[in-house]
PDB file of N, CA and C in Angstrom:
ATOM      1  N   MET A   1     144.971  -0.704 -14.457  1.00  0.00           N
ATOM      2  CA  MET A   1     143.621  -1.212 -14.294  1.00  0.00           C
ATOM      3  C   MET A   1     143.643  -2.164 -13.095  1.00  0.00           C
ATOM      4  N   THR A   2     142.697  -1.980 -12.192  1.00  0.00           N
ATOM      5  CA  THR A   2     142.612  -2.815 -11.001  1.00  0.00           C
ATOM      6  C   THR A   2     141.188  -3.291 -10.795  1.00  0.00           C
ATOM      7  N   ASN A   3     141.015  -4.193  -9.847  1.00  0.00           N
ATOM      8  CA  ASN A   3     139.696  -4.737  -9.492  1.00  0.00           C
ATOM      9  C   ASN A   3     138.935  -5.217 -10.719  1.00  0.00           C
ATOM     10  N   GLU A   4     139.599  -5.991 -11.535  1.00  0.00           N
ATOM     11  CA  GLU A   4     138.990  -6.482 -12.772  1.00  0.00           C
ATOM     12  C   GLU A   4     138.055  -7.653 -12.484  1.00  0.00           C
ATOM     13  N   GLN A   5     136.911  -7.657 -13.154  1.00  0.00           N
ATOM     14  CA  GLN A   5     135.988  -8.784 -13.087  1.00  0.00           C
ATOM     15  C   GLN A   5     135.596  -9.146 -14.509  1.00  0.00           C
ATOM     16  N   TYR A   6     135.525 -10.449 -14.769  1.00  0.00           N
ATOM     17  CA  TYR A   6     135.232 -10.928 -16.111  1.00  0.00           C
ATOM     18  C   TYR A   6     133.992 -11.822 -16.092  1.00  0.00           C
ATOM     19  N   ALA A   7     133.243 -11.794 -17.192  1.00  0.00           N
ATOM     20  CA  ALA A   7     132.103 -12.692 -17.362  1.00  0.00           C
ATOM     21  C   ALA A   7     132.630 -14.078 -17.731  1.00  0.00           C
ATOM     22  N   LYS A   8     131.743 -15.062 -17.735  1.00  0.00           N
ATOM     23  CA  LYS A   8     132.140 -16.437 -18.066  1.00  0.00           C
ATOM     24  C   LYS A   8     132.712 -16.539 -19.477  1.00  0.00           C
ATOM     25  N   ASN A   9     132.280 -15.648 -20.374  1.00  0.00           N
ATOM     26  CA  ASN A   9     132.786 -15.688 -21.743  1.00  0.00           C
ATOM     27  C   ASN A   9     134.124 -14.959 -21.901  1.00  0.00           C
ATOM     28  N   GLY A  10     134.697 -14.467 -20.792  1.00  0.00           N
ATOM     29  CA  GLY A  10     135.989 -13.798 -20.834  1.00  0.00           C
ATOM     30  C   GLY A  10     135.917 -12.299 -21.040  1.00  0.00           C
ATOM     31  N   GLN A  11     134.722 -11.756 -21.180  1.00  0.00           N
ATOM     32  CA  GLN A  11     134.539 -10.324 -21.399  1.00  0.00           C
ATOM     33  C   GLN A  11     134.726  -9.554 -20.087  1.00  0.00           C
ATOM     34  N   LEU A  12     135.491  -8.477 -20.137  1.00  0.00           N
ATOM     35  CA  LEU A  12     135.650  -7.594 -18.987  1.00  0.00           C
ATOM     36  C   LEU A  12     134.301  -6.951 -18.679  1.00  0.00           C
ATOM     37  N   VAL A  13     133.811  -7.069 -17.436  1.00  0.00           N
ATOM     38  CA  VAL A  13     132.528  -6.466 -17.079  1.00  0.00           C
ATOM     39  C   VAL A  13     132.674  -5.349 -16.050  1.00  0.00           C
ATOM     40  N   SER A  14     133.798  -5.324 -15.329  1.00  0.00           N
ATOM     41  CA  SER A  14     133.980  -4.296 -14.316  1.00  0.00           C
ATOM     42  C   SER A  14     135.467  -4.089 -14.068  1.00  0.00           C
ATOM     43  N   ALA A  15     135.879  -2.809 -13.971  1.00  0.00           N
ATOM     44  CA  ALA A  15     137.280  -2.499 -13.686  1.00  0.00           C
ATOM     45  C   ALA A  15     137.387  -1.073 -13.161  1.00  0.00           C
ATOM     46  N   VAL A  16     138.451  -0.821 -12.421  1.00  0.00           N
ATOM     47  CA  VAL A  16     138.778   0.529 -11.986  1.00  0.00           C
ATOM     48  C   VAL A  16     139.993   0.966 -12.803  1.00  0.00           C
ATOM     49  N   LYS A  17     139.835   2.074 -13.533  1.00  0.00           N
ATOM     50  CA  LYS A  17     140.905   2.554 -14.427  1.00  0.00           C
ATOM     51  C   LYS A  17     141.230   4.002 -14.111  1.00  0.00           C
ATOM     52  N   ASN A  18     142.498   4.380 -14.311  1.00  0.00           N
ATOM     53  CA  ASN A  18     142.816   5.803 -14.237  1.00  0.00           C
ATOM     54  C   ASN A  18     142.484   6.427 -15.596  1.00  0.00           C
ATOM     55  N   PHE A  19     142.511   7.740 -15.684  1.00  0.00           N
ATOM     56  CA  PHE A  19     142.045   8.440 -16.876  1.00  0.00           C
ATOM     57  C   PHE A  19     142.860   8.066 -18.112  1.00  0.00           C
ATOM     58  N   GLU A  20     144.160   7.849 -17.953  1.00  0.00           N
ATOM     59  CA  GLU A  20     145.017   7.528 -19.091  1.00  0.00           C
ATOM     60  C   GLU A  20     144.702   6.150 -19.673  1.00  0.00           C
ATOM     61  N   GLU A  21     144.239   5.215 -18.867  1.00  0.00           N
ATOM     62  CA  GLU A  21     143.929   3.857 -19.326  1.00  0.00           C
ATOM     63  C   GLU A  21     142.586   3.761 -20.047  1.00  0.00           C
ATOM     64  N   MET A  22     141.754   4.772 -19.913  1.00  0.00           N
ATOM     65  CA  MET A  22     140.403   4.709 -20.472  1.00  0.00           C
ATOM     66  C   MET A  22     140.396   4.917 -21.977  1.00  0.00           C
ATOM     67  N   THR A  23     139.431   4.265 -22.641  1.00  0.00           N
ATOM     68  CA  THR A  23     139.252   4.443 -24.085  1.00  0.00           C
ATOM     69  C   THR A  23     138.470   5.729 -24.338  1.00  0.00           C
ATOM     70  N   GLY A  24     138.390   6.146 -25.585  1.00  0.00           N
ATOM     71  CA  GLY A  24     137.636   7.345 -25.939  1.00  0.00           C
ATOM     72  C   GLY A  24     136.168   7.230 -25.573  1.00  0.00           C
ATOM     73  N   GLU A  25     135.586   6.059 -25.808  1.00  0.00           N
ATOM     74  CA  GLU A  25     134.177   5.832 -25.474  1.00  0.00           C
ATOM     75  C   GLU A  25     133.948   5.965 -23.968  1.00  0.00           C
ATOM     76  N   GLU A  26     134.863   5.428 -23.184  1.00  0.00           N
ATOM     77  CA  GLU A  26     134.730   5.510 -21.724  1.00  0.00           C
ATOM     78  C   GLU A  26     134.866   6.953 -21.244  1.00  0.00           C
ATOM     79  N   LYS A  27     135.804   7.690 -21.830  1.00  0.00           N
ATOM     80  CA  LYS A  27     135.991   9.095 -21.452  1.00  0.00           C
ATOM     81  C   LYS A  27     134.760   9.928 -21.779  1.00  0.00           C
ATOM     82  N   GLU A  28     134.110   9.646 -22.903  1.00  0.00           N
ATOM     83  CA  GLU A  28     132.900  10.373 -23.296  1.00  0.00           C
ATOM     84  C   GLU A  28     131.734  10.078 -22.357  1.00  0.00           C
ATOM     85  N   ALA A  29     131.741   8.902 -21.731  1.00  0.00           N
ATOM     86  CA  ALA A  29     130.643   8.495 -20.855  1.00  0.00           C
ATOM     87  C   ALA A  29     130.735   9.116 -19.464  1.00  0.00           C
ATOM     88  N   ILE A  30     131.864   9.760 -19.144  1.00  0.00           N
ATOM     89  CA  ILE A  30     132.004  10.405 -17.833  1.00  0.00           C
ATOM     90  C   ILE A  30     131.064  11.606 -17.772  1.00  0.00           C
ATOM     91  N   ARG A  31     130.332  11.709 -16.684  1.00  0.00           N
ATOM     92  CA  ARG A  31     129.439  12.865 -16.512  1.00  0.00           C
ATOM     93  C   ARG A  31     130.274  14.140 -16.435  1.00  0.00           C
ATOM     94  N   PRO A  32     129.800  15.253 -17.014  1.00  0.00           N
ATOM     95  CA  PRO A  32     130.567  16.506 -16.976  1.00  0.00           C
ATOM     96  C   PRO A  32     130.910  16.956 -15.552  1.00  0.00           C
ATOM     97  N   VAL A  33     130.038  16.666 -14.598  1.00  0.00           N
ATOM     98  CA  VAL A  33     130.274  17.044 -13.203  1.00  0.00           C
ATOM     99  C   VAL A  33     131.484  16.312 -12.638  1.00  0.00           C
ATOM    100  N   ASP A  34     131.705  15.075 -13.081  1.00  0.00           N
ATOM    101  CA  ASP A  34     132.778  14.237 -12.549  1.00  0.00           C
ATOM    102  C   ASP A  34     134.129  14.457 -13.219  1.00  0.00           C
ATOM    103  N   LYS A  35     134.150  15.099 -14.384  1.00  0.00           N
ATOM    104  CA  LYS A  35     135.416  15.272 -15.100  1.00  0.00           C
ATOM    105  C   LYS A  35     136.377  16.128 -14.273  1.00  0.00           C
ATOM    106  N   GLY A  36     137.584  15.619 -14.107  1.00  0.00           N
ATOM    107  CA  GLY A  36     138.601  16.350 -13.367  1.00  0.00           C
ATOM    108  C   GLY A  36     138.503  16.209 -11.859  1.00  0.00           C
ATOM    109  N   GLN A  37     137.508  15.515 -11.365  1.00  0.00           N
ATOM    110  CA  GLN A  37     137.302  15.380  -9.921  1.00  0.00           C
ATOM    111  C   GLN A  37     137.939  14.110  -9.345  1.00  0.00           C
ATOM    112  N   PHE A  38     138.199  13.128 -10.213  1.00  0.00           N
ATOM    113  CA  PHE A  38     138.606  11.810  -9.737  1.00  0.00           C
ATOM    114  C   PHE A  38     139.959  11.388 -10.293  1.00  0.00           C
ATOM    115  N   VAL A  39     140.665  10.581  -9.502  1.00  0.00           N
ATOM    116  CA  VAL A  39     141.926   9.988  -9.920  1.00  0.00           C
ATOM    117  C   VAL A  39     141.645   8.741 -10.750  1.00  0.00           C
ATOM    118  N   SER A  40     140.637   7.979 -10.346  1.00  0.00           N
ATOM    119  CA  SER A  40     140.296   6.749 -11.053  1.00  0.00           C
ATOM    120  C   SER A  40     138.779   6.649 -11.215  1.00  0.00           C
ATOM    121  N   TYR A  41     138.381   5.823 -12.171  1.00  0.00           N
ATOM    122  CA  TYR A  41     136.964   5.677 -12.511  1.00  0.00           C
ATOM    123  C   TYR A  41     136.582   4.201 -12.534  1.00  0.00           C
ATOM    124  N   HIS A  42     135.356   3.910 -12.134  1.00  0.00           N
ATOM    125  CA  HIS A  42     134.821   2.546 -12.178  1.00  0.00           C
ATOM    126  C   HIS A  42     134.056   2.398 -13.495  1.00  0.00           C
ATOM    127  N   VAL A  43     134.491   1.456 -14.325  1.00  0.00           N
ATOM    128  CA  VAL A  43     133.900   1.242 -15.645  1.00  0.00           C
ATOM    129  C   VAL A  43     133.164  -0.091 -15.636  1.00  0.00           C
ATOM    130  N   GLN A  44     131.916  -0.090 -16.145  1.00  0.00           N
ATOM    131  CA  GLN A  44     131.117  -1.315 -16.173  1.00  0.00           C
ATOM    132  C   GLN A  44     130.645  -1.607 -17.596  1.00  0.00           C
ATOM    133  N   TYR A  45     130.747  -2.891 -17.964  1.00  0.00           N
ATOM    134  CA  TYR A  45     130.283  -3.379 -19.258  1.00  0.00           C
ATOM    135  C   TYR A  45     129.299  -4.512 -19.024  1.00  0.00           C
ATOM    136  N   ASN A  46     128.457  -4.795 -20.025  1.00  0.00           N
ATOM    137  CA  ASN A  46     127.643  -6.009 -19.943  1.00  0.00           C
ATOM    138  C   ASN A  46     128.453  -7.163 -20.538  1.00  0.00           C
ATOM    139  N   LYS A  47     127.904  -8.371 -20.501  1.00  0.00           N
ATOM    140  CA  LYS A  47     128.674  -9.541 -20.960  1.00  0.00           C
ATOM    141  C   LYS A  47     128.904  -9.553 -22.468  1.00  0.00           C
ATOM    142  N   ASN A  48     128.220  -8.662 -23.196  1.00  0.00           N
ATOM    143  CA  ASN A  48     128.432  -8.555 -24.640  1.00  0.00           C
ATOM    144  C   ASN A  48     129.478  -7.496 -24.992  1.00  0.00           C
ATOM    145  N   GLY A  49     130.046  -6.842 -23.973  1.00  0.00           N
ATOM    146  CA  GLY A  49     131.087  -5.848 -24.209  1.00  0.00           C
ATOM    147  C   GLY A  49     130.574  -4.447 -24.447  1.00  0.00           C
ATOM    148  N   GLU A  50     129.290  -4.192 -24.190  1.00  0.00           N
ATOM    149  CA  GLU A  50     128.733  -2.846 -24.366  1.00  0.00           C
ATOM    150  C   GLU A  50     128.908  -2.057 -23.081  1.00  0.00           C
ATOM    151  N   LEU A  51     129.386  -0.816 -23.204  1.00  0.00           N
ATOM    152  CA  LEU A  51     129.618   0.031 -22.045  1.00  0.00           C
ATOM    153  C   LEU A  51     128.290   0.374 -21.384  1.00  0.00           C
ATOM    154  N   LEU A  52     128.194   0.125 -20.072  1.00  0.00           N
ATOM    155  CA  LEU A  52     126.982   0.424 -19.325  1.00  0.00           C
ATOM    156  C   LEU A  52     127.096   1.725 -18.545  1.00  0.00           C
ATOM    157  N   HIS A  53     128.223   1.881 -17.837  1.00  0.00           N
ATOM    158  CA  HIS A  53     128.300   2.993 -16.893  1.00  0.00           C
ATOM    159  C   HIS A  53     129.751   3.313 -16.556  1.00  0.00           C
ATOM    160  N   VAL A  54     130.027   4.588 -16.351  1.00  0.00           N
ATOM    161  CA  VAL A  54     131.322   5.039 -15.857  1.00  0.00           C
ATOM    162  C   VAL A  54     131.044   5.986 -14.696  1.00  0.00           C
ATOM    163  N   SER A  55     131.664   5.703 -13.546  1.00  0.00           N
ATOM    164  CA  SER A  55     131.479   6.575 -12.384  1.00  0.00           C
ATOM    165  C   SER A  55     132.813   6.788 -11.695  1.00  0.00           C
ATOM    166  N   GLY A  56     132.895   7.845 -10.924  1.00  0.00           N
ATOM    167  CA  GLY A  56     134.118   8.142 -10.197  1.00  0.00           C
ATOM    168  C   GLY A  56     134.381   7.115  -9.114  1.00  0.00           C
ATOM    169  N   ALA A  57     135.655   6.734  -8.939  1.00  0.00           N
ATOM    170  CA  ALA A  57     136.000   5.742  -7.926  1.00  0.00           C
ATOM    171  C   ALA A  57     136.799   6.364  -6.778  1.00  0.00           C
ATOM    172  N   GLU A  58     137.797   7.194  -7.086  1.00  0.00           N
ATOM    173  CA  GLU A  58     138.639   7.778  -6.043  1.00  0.00           C
ATOM    174  C   GLU A  58     138.811   9.272  -6.317  1.00  0.00           C
ATOM    175  N   LEU A  59     138.412  10.098  -5.345  1.00  0.00           N
ATOM    176  CA  LEU A  59     138.537  11.538  -5.478  1.00  0.00           C
ATOM    177  C   LEU A  59     139.992  11.978  -5.450  1.00  0.00           C
ATOM    178  N   LYS A  60     140.284  13.069  -6.165  1.00  0.00           N
ATOM    179  CA  LYS A  60     141.616  13.667  -6.093  1.00  0.00           C
ATOM    180  C   LYS A  60     141.813  14.248  -4.697  1.00  0.00           C
ATOM    181  N   GLU A  61     143.053  14.349  -4.246  1.00  0.00           N
ATOM    182  CA  GLU A  61     143.368  14.838  -2.898  1.00  0.00           C
ATOM    183  C   GLU A  61     142.790  16.222  -2.650  1.00  0.00           C
ATOM    184  N   GLU A  62     142.987  17.146  -3.598  1.00  0.00           N
ATOM    185  CA  GLU A  62     142.522  18.526  -3.384  1.00  0.00           C
ATOM    186  C   GLU A  62     140.999  18.617  -3.326  1.00  0.00           C
ATOM    187  N   VAL A  63     140.307  17.760  -4.055  1.00  0.00           N
ATOM    188  CA  VAL A  63     138.841  17.734  -4.019  1.00  0.00           C
ATOM    189  C   VAL A  63     138.386  17.133  -2.701  1.00  0.00           C
ATOM    190  N   ASN A  64     139.038  16.056  -2.282  1.00  0.00           N
ATOM    191  CA  ASN A  64     138.691  15.380  -1.035  1.00  0.00           C
ATOM    192  C   ASN A  64     138.904  16.310   0.167  1.00  0.00           C
ATOM    193  N   ALA A  65     139.924  17.170   0.106  1.00  0.00           N
ATOM    194  CA  ALA A  65     140.209  18.102   1.202  1.00  0.00           C
ATOM    195  C   ALA A  65     139.133  19.173   1.313  1.00  0.00           C
ATOM    196  N   ASP A  66     138.447  19.467   0.194  1.00  0.00           N
ATOM    197  CA  ASP A  66     137.400  20.486   0.202  1.00  0.00           C
ATOM    198  C   ASP A  66     136.091  20.003   0.798  1.00  0.00           C
ATOM    199  N   VAL A  67     135.932  18.693   0.975  1.00  0.00           N
ATOM    200  CA  VAL A  67     134.691  18.142   1.520  1.00  0.00           C
ATOM    201  C   VAL A  67     134.677  18.420   3.016  1.00  0.00           C
ATOM    202  N   LYS A  68     133.719  19.232   3.451  1.00  0.00           N
ATOM    203  CA  LYS A  68     133.618  19.623   4.849  1.00  0.00           C
ATOM    204  C   LYS A  68     132.436  18.912   5.502  1.00  0.00           C
ATOM    205  N   PRO A  69     132.574  18.584   6.799  1.00  0.00           N
ATOM    206  CA  PRO A  69     131.444  17.986   7.505  1.00  0.00           C
ATOM    207  C   PRO A  69     130.307  19.001   7.620  1.00  0.00           C
ATOM    208  N   ASP A  70     129.083  18.510   7.667  1.00  0.00           N
ATOM    209  CA  ASP A  70     127.943  19.399   7.779  1.00  0.00           C
ATOM    210  C   ASP A  70     126.898  18.798   8.719  1.00  0.00           C
ATOM    211  N   LEU A  71     125.759  19.424   8.792  1.00  0.00           N
ATOM    212  CA  LEU A  71     124.685  18.987   9.685  1.00  0.00           C
ATOM    213  C   LEU A  71     124.239  17.571   9.361  1.00  0.00           C
ATOM    214  N   LEU A  72     124.164  17.233   8.086  1.00  0.00           N
ATOM    215  CA  LEU A  72     123.732  15.882   7.707  1.00  0.00           C
ATOM    216  C   LEU A  72     124.691  14.816   8.213  1.00  0.00           C
ATOM    217  N   ASP A  73     125.995  15.117   8.212  1.00  0.00           N
ATOM    218  CA  ASP A  73     126.964  14.172   8.764  1.00  0.00           C
ATOM    219  C   ASP A  73     126.699  13.964  10.254  1.00  0.00           C
ATOM    220  N   SER A  74     126.433  15.041  10.958  1.00  0.00           N
ATOM    221  CA  SER A  74     126.159  14.941  12.395  1.00  0.00           C
ATOM    222  C   SER A  74     124.912  14.110  12.652  1.00  0.00           C
ATOM    223  N   LEU A  75     123.869  14.352  11.887  1.00  0.00           N
ATOM    224  CA  LEU A  75     122.631  13.583  12.056  1.00  0.00           C
ATOM    225  C   LEU A  75     122.849  12.110  11.704  1.00  0.00           C
ATOM    226  N   GLN A  76     123.626  11.863  10.678  1.00  0.00           N
ATOM    227  CA  GLN A  76     123.926  10.492  10.266  1.00  0.00           C
ATOM    228  C   GLN A  76     124.619   9.728  11.395  1.00  0.00           C
ATOM    229  N   VAL A  77     125.572  10.378  12.035  1.00  0.00           N
ATOM    230  CA  VAL A  77     126.332   9.727  13.104  1.00  0.00           C
ATOM    231  C   VAL A  77     125.480   9.535  14.349  1.00  0.00           C
ATOM    232  N   LEU A  78     124.646  10.501  14.669  1.00  0.00           N
ATOM    233  CA  LEU A  78     123.865  10.425  15.907  1.00  0.00           C
ATOM    234  C   LEU A  78     122.665   9.484  15.812  1.00  0.00           C
ATOM    235  N   PHE A  79     122.013   9.420  14.663  1.00  0.00           N
ATOM    236  CA  PHE A  79     120.736   8.718  14.598  1.00  0.00           C
ATOM    237  C   PHE A  79     120.714   7.488  13.699  1.00  0.00           C
ATOM    238  N   ASN A  80     121.791   7.198  13.008  1.00  0.00           N
ATOM    239  CA  ASN A  80     121.824   6.019  12.152  1.00  0.00           C
ATOM    240  C   ASN A  80     122.001   4.779  13.016  1.00  0.00           C
ATOM    241  N   LYS A  81     121.155   3.787  12.822  1.00  0.00           N
ATOM    242  CA  LYS A  81     121.219   2.554  13.617  1.00  0.00           C
ATOM    243  C   LYS A  81     122.241   1.560  13.064  1.00  0.00           C
ATOM    244  N   ASN A  82     122.601   1.686  11.795  1.00  0.00           N
ATOM    245  CA  ASN A  82     123.527   0.755  11.165  1.00  0.00           C
ATOM    246  C   ASN A  82     124.940   1.356  11.161  1.00  0.00           C
ATOM    247  N   LYS A  83     125.739   0.988  12.146  1.00  0.00           N
ATOM    248  CA  LYS A  83     127.085   1.545  12.268  1.00  0.00           C
ATOM    249  C   LYS A  83     128.038   1.043  11.185  1.00  0.00           C
ATOM    250  N   HIS A  84     127.629   0.032  10.458  1.00  0.00           N
ATOM    251  CA  HIS A  84     128.503  -0.532   9.430  1.00  0.00           C
ATOM    252  C   HIS A  84     128.212   0.012   8.039  1.00  0.00           C
ATOM    253  N   SER A  85     127.222   0.897   7.920  1.00  0.00           N
ATOM    254  CA  SER A  85     126.881   1.428   6.598  1.00  0.00           C
ATOM    255  C   SER A  85     127.967   2.379   6.108  1.00  0.00           C
ATOM    256  N   LYS A  86     128.074   2.481   4.800  1.00  0.00           N
ATOM    257  CA  LYS A  86     129.081   3.346   4.188  1.00  0.00           C
ATOM    258  C   LYS A  86     128.819   4.816   4.534  1.00  0.00           C
ATOM    259  N   ALA A  87     127.547   5.214   4.562  1.00  0.00           N
ATOM    260  CA  ALA A  87     127.200   6.598   4.880  1.00  0.00           C
ATOM    261  C   ALA A  87     127.630   6.953   6.301  1.00  0.00           C
ATOM    262  N   TYR A  88     127.383   6.042   7.237  1.00  0.00           N
ATOM    263  CA  TYR A  88     127.759   6.268   8.641  1.00  0.00           C
ATOM    264  C   TYR A  88     129.281   6.390   8.769  1.00  0.00           C
ATOM    265  N   GLN A  89     130.004   5.464   8.167  1.00  0.00           N
ATOM    266  CA  GLN A  89     131.463   5.473   8.275  1.00  0.00           C
ATOM    267  C   GLN A  89     132.074   6.710   7.612  1.00  0.00           C
ATOM    268  N   SER A  90     131.526   7.135   6.478  1.00  0.00           N
ATOM    269  CA  SER A  90     132.032   8.334   5.800  1.00  0.00           C
ATOM    270  C   SER A  90     131.789   9.577   6.640  1.00  0.00           C
ATOM    271  N   ALA A  91     130.593   9.675   7.221  1.00  0.00           N
ATOM    272  CA  ALA A  91     130.259  10.829   8.058  1.00  0.00           C
ATOM    273  C   ALA A  91     131.152  10.870   9.297  1.00  0.00           C
ATOM    274  N   LYS A  92     131.371   9.724   9.906  1.00  0.00           N
ATOM    275  CA  LYS A  92     132.227   9.639  11.094  1.00  0.00           C
ATOM    276  C   LYS A  92     133.649  10.077  10.759  1.00  0.00           C
ATOM    277  N   LYS A  93     134.131   9.669   9.599  1.00  0.00           N
ATOM    278  CA  LYS A  93     135.488  10.033   9.181  1.00  0.00           C
ATOM    279  C   LYS A  93     135.592  11.538   8.919  1.00  0.00           C
ATOM    280  N   ARG A  94     134.582  12.110   8.255  1.00  0.00           N
ATOM    281  CA  ARG A  94     134.605  13.555   7.976  1.00  0.00           C
ATOM    282  C   ARG A  94     134.546  14.371   9.265  1.00  0.00           C
ATOM    283  N   LEU A  95     133.771  13.899  10.240  1.00  0.00           N
ATOM    284  CA  LEU A  95     133.647  14.608  11.508  1.00  0.00           C
ATOM    285  C   LEU A  95     134.855  14.383  12.420  1.00  0.00           C
ATOM    286  N   ASP A  96     135.632  13.334  12.137  1.00  0.00           N
ATOM    287  CA  ASP A  96     136.817  12.994  12.922  1.00  0.00           C
ATOM    288  C   ASP A  96     136.466  12.816  14.399  1.00  0.00           C
ATOM    289  N   VAL A  97     135.513  11.913  14.657  1.00  0.00           N
ATOM    290  CA  VAL A  97     135.067  11.629  16.019  1.00  0.00           C
ATOM    291  C   VAL A  97     135.276  10.150  16.340  1.00  0.00           C
ATOM    292  N   THR A  98     135.340   9.851  17.635  1.00  0.00           N
ATOM    293  CA  THR A  98     135.502   8.474  18.085  1.00  0.00           C
ATOM    294  C   THR A  98     134.150   7.896  18.475  1.00  0.00           C
ATOM    295  N   ASN A  99     134.090   6.600  18.671  1.00  0.00           N
ATOM    296  CA  ASN A  99     132.851   5.951  19.123  1.00  0.00           C
ATOM    297  C   ASN A  99     132.444   6.460  20.500  1.00  0.00           C
ATOM    298  N   GLU A 100     133.414   6.716  21.356  1.00  0.00           N
ATOM    299  CA  GLU A 100     133.120   7.232  22.697  1.00  0.00           C
ATOM    300  C   GLU A 100     132.449   8.592  22.617  1.00  0.00           C
ATOM    301  N   GLN A 101     132.942   9.464  21.761  1.00  0.00           N
ATOM    302  CA  GLN A 101     132.345  10.783  21.613  1.00  0.00           C
ATOM    303  C   GLN A 101     130.913  10.682  21.080  1.00  0.00           C
ATOM    304  N   ILE A 102     130.702   9.780  20.149  1.00  0.00           N
ATOM    305  CA  ILE A 102     129.361   9.597  19.585  1.00  0.00           C
ATOM    306  C   ILE A 102     128.406   9.085  20.655  1.00  0.00           C
ATOM    307  N   ASN A 103     128.844   8.112  21.441  1.00  0.00           N
ATOM    308  CA  ASN A 103     127.994   7.554  22.496  1.00  0.00           C
ATOM    309  C   ASN A 103     127.657   8.591  23.564  1.00  0.00           C
ATOM    310  N   GLU A 104     128.624   9.437  23.917  1.00  0.00           N
ATOM    311  CA  GLU A 104     128.368  10.510  24.880  1.00  0.00           C
ATOM    312  C   GLU A 104     127.328  11.491  24.344  1.00  0.00           C
ATOM    313  N   ALA A 105     127.443  11.842  23.079  1.00  0.00           N
ATOM    314  CA  ALA A 105     126.478  12.758  22.469  1.00  0.00           C
ATOM    315  C   ALA A 105     125.085  12.136  22.416  1.00  0.00           C
ATOM    316  N   ARG A 106     125.009  10.845  22.120  1.00  0.00           N
ATOM    317  CA  ARG A 106     123.719  10.157  22.095  1.00  0.00           C
ATOM    318  C   ARG A 106     123.083  10.135  23.478  1.00  0.00           C
ATOM    319  N   GLN A 107     123.886   9.974  24.540  1.00  0.00           N
ATOM    320  CA  GLN A 107     123.346   9.985  25.896  1.00  0.00           C
ATOM    321  C   GLN A 107     122.760  11.330  26.236  1.00  0.00           C
ATOM    322  N   VAL A 108     123.422  12.413  25.830  1.00  0.00           N
ATOM    323  CA  VAL A 108     122.907  13.762  26.077  1.00  0.00           C
ATOM    324  C   VAL A 108     121.562  13.943  25.374  1.00  0.00           C
ATOM    325  N   ILE A 109     121.464  13.488  24.142  1.00  0.00           N
ATOM    326  CA  ILE A 109     120.227  13.631  23.364  1.00  0.00           C
ATOM    327  C   ILE A 109     119.097  12.811  23.998  1.00  0.00           C
ATOM    328  N   ASN A 110     119.402  11.595  24.438  1.00  0.00           N
ATOM    329  CA  ASN A 110     118.384  10.718  25.011  1.00  0.00           C
ATOM    330  C   ASN A 110     117.862  11.223  26.360  1.00  0.00           C
ATOM    331  N   ARG A 111     118.676  11.979  27.097  1.00  0.00           N
ATOM    332  CA  ARG A 111     118.224  12.533  28.370  1.00  0.00           C
ATOM    333  C   ARG A 111     117.225  13.664  28.161  1.00  0.00           C
ATOM    334  N   GLY A 112     117.341  14.327  26.997  1.00  0.00           N
ATOM    335  CA  GLY A 112     116.415  15.369  26.596  1.00  0.00           C
ATOM    336  C   GLY A 112     116.423  16.492  27.495  1.00  0.00           C
TER     337      GLY A 112
END
């Protein structure tokens, strides 16, 4: 279990767990689409200890390798004004491009 956060009363409210560390209740809360797709899961509780949400935290290597860049990634990189956003950085990584390449492409588009 990593990235643990606790409420003032000592209750665990947030943690990243691998599948083996999860309780039965947490495993049942995983969406069917996410089962088998992730190495670790982000588990959230309220301050009373009631389970709120379970979501995937880290994709498995073979699943991550299947993610291919697409048109939306290209548009995200070319037209997004916030270079620090998670969507922009993820798209840039999937496309495997440098800032110089992006700037050159933007200049071509702006010349019309």
